[in-house]
Every structure is written in structure tokens, then in C-alpha cells.
Amino acid sequence: MNNTIEETKEYIGMWVTKDGHIRHELLPDNRYDEARGSRESAYQGSYWVSGDHIDYKDDTGFTADGDFKDGILYHGGMVFYKEN
């Protein structure tokens, strides 16, 4: 049986859309920092991972969620790839 991403902690790090426009960094302290184009730290907030699911709450109170599947993060209609 495969471990969930919650167990492996492989979610920590930089996640990037294919075109590189959105850069979403999941920090080890359960905070995230998202850049949009040339706008650094466009969104910041907290996140929680449970199994292969992630919930977000940005610092303005907006909430969102996503799922990790086969090393890809699906979040808000976008697809993110882990940057090595």
C-alpha cells in the first residue's frame, strides 16, 4: 500500500503551473506563499494536509482546497507540478 502525501511530506516545496505563471510554495510550517507572474507573495496563508487532500485558508479568510494525485497537485481548476 502506498503512503499518502501527508505521511511522506512530499508536498513541502515549490509547486508550479506548466506555464510557470503561478508559483505556489508549501512551507514546512503549514504556511504557503503564492506568486502570480511578477507579483511575489500575491497570496499567503495556512494549509492543512490530510491523506492526499489539502485545504487552504489565505490571510484574508478565503478558503480553497485541492488534491494530490500521482505527484501532481490539482487545486482550484489548476494543475501544479513539483519543482525539483
Protein backbone atom coordinates (compact mmCIF):
# COMPACT_ATOMS: atom_id res chain seq x y z
CA MET A 1 0.00 0.00 0.00
CA ASN A 2 1.29 3.45 -0.92
CA ASN A 3 1.77 6.08 1.74
CA THR A 4 -0.27 9.26 1.47
CA ILE A 5 1.46 12.53 0.75
CA GLU A 6 0.61 13.53 4.32
CA GLU A 7 2.79 10.66 5.54
CA THR A 8 5.68 11.24 3.14
CA LYS A 9 5.65 15.06 3.50
CA GLU A 10 6.49 15.28 -0.23
CA TYR A 11 4.01 18.15 -0.52
CA ILE A 12 6.59 20.54 1.05
CA GLY A 13 8.29 22.68 -1.59
CA MET A 14 7.55 24.67 -4.72
CA TRP A 15 4.63 23.77 -6.98
CA VAL A 16 4.39 25.47 -10.38
CA THR A 17 1.86 25.60 -13.20
CA LYS A 18 3.11 24.30 -16.54
CA ASP A 19 3.48 27.85 -17.92
CA GLY A 20 5.30 28.97 -14.74
CA HIS A 21 2.83 31.82 -14.17
CA ILE A 22 1.75 30.62 -10.72
CA ARG A 23 4.36 29.52 -8.18
CA HIS A 24 2.89 28.04 -5.04
CA GLU A 25 5.32 27.25 -2.22
CA LEU A 26 4.17 24.97 0.59
CA LEU A 27 6.39 25.70 3.57
CA PRO A 28 7.15 23.15 6.32
CA ASP A 29 5.37 25.28 8.96
CA ASN A 30 1.98 24.83 7.22
CA ARG A 31 2.14 28.27 5.61
CA TYR A 32 2.11 28.93 1.88
CA ASP A 33 3.30 31.76 -0.32
CA GLU A 34 1.97 32.10 -3.85
CA ALA A 35 3.42 34.27 -6.62
CA ARG A 36 1.43 35.21 -9.73
CA GLY A 37 3.56 36.27 -12.67
CA SER A 38 5.88 39.03 -11.49
CA ARG A 39 3.77 39.61 -8.36
CA GLU A 40 5.66 37.94 -5.50
CA SER A 41 3.67 36.89 -2.40
CA ALA A 42 0.37 37.63 -4.15
CA TYR A 43 -1.38 35.27 -1.73
CA GLN A 44 -0.27 33.93 1.62
CA GLY A 45 -1.97 31.81 4.23
CA SER A 46 -2.15 28.48 6.01
CA TYR A 47 -2.75 24.96 4.77
CA TRP A 48 -3.56 21.52 6.20
CA VAL A 49 -2.88 18.19 4.52
CA SER A 50 -4.99 15.14 5.29
CA GLY A 51 -4.22 11.99 3.35
CA ASP A 52 -3.84 13.25 -0.23
CA HIS A 53 -6.11 16.26 0.27
CA ILE A 54 -5.10 19.86 1.07
CA ASP A 55 -7.19 22.69 2.49
CA TYR A 56 -6.14 26.33 2.34
CA LYS A 57 -7.14 29.45 4.21
CA ASP A 58 -5.49 32.61 2.98
CA ASP A 59 -4.78 35.53 5.27
CA THR A 60 -7.88 37.36 4.01
CA GLY A 61 -10.11 34.43 5.05
CA PHE A 62 -10.64 32.94 1.58
CA THR A 63 -10.71 29.13 1.60
CA ALA A 64 -9.90 26.61 -1.11
CA ASP A 65 -8.81 23.02 -1.43
CA GLY A 66 -7.04 20.59 -3.69
CA ASP A 67 -5.85 17.03 -4.11
CA PHE A 68 -2.52 15.37 -4.81
CA LYS A 69 -2.62 12.54 -7.31
CA ASP A 70 0.38 10.77 -8.86
CA GLY A 71 2.76 13.58 -7.87
CA ILE A 72 0.55 16.36 -9.28
CA LEU A 73 -1.42 18.94 -7.30
CA TYR A 74 -4.92 19.74 -8.59
CA HIS A 75 -6.07 22.98 -7.00
CA GLY A 76 -8.80 25.42 -7.98
CA GLY A 77 -9.04 24.19 -11.57
CA MET A 78 -5.26 24.48 -11.98
CA VAL A 79 -2.59 21.83 -12.28
CA PHE A 80 0.70 22.19 -10.40
CA TYR A 81 3.92 20.25 -10.82
CA LYS A 82 6.55 19.92 -8.13
CA GLU A 83 9.72 21.80 -8.89
CA ASN A 84 12.90 19.87 -8.18
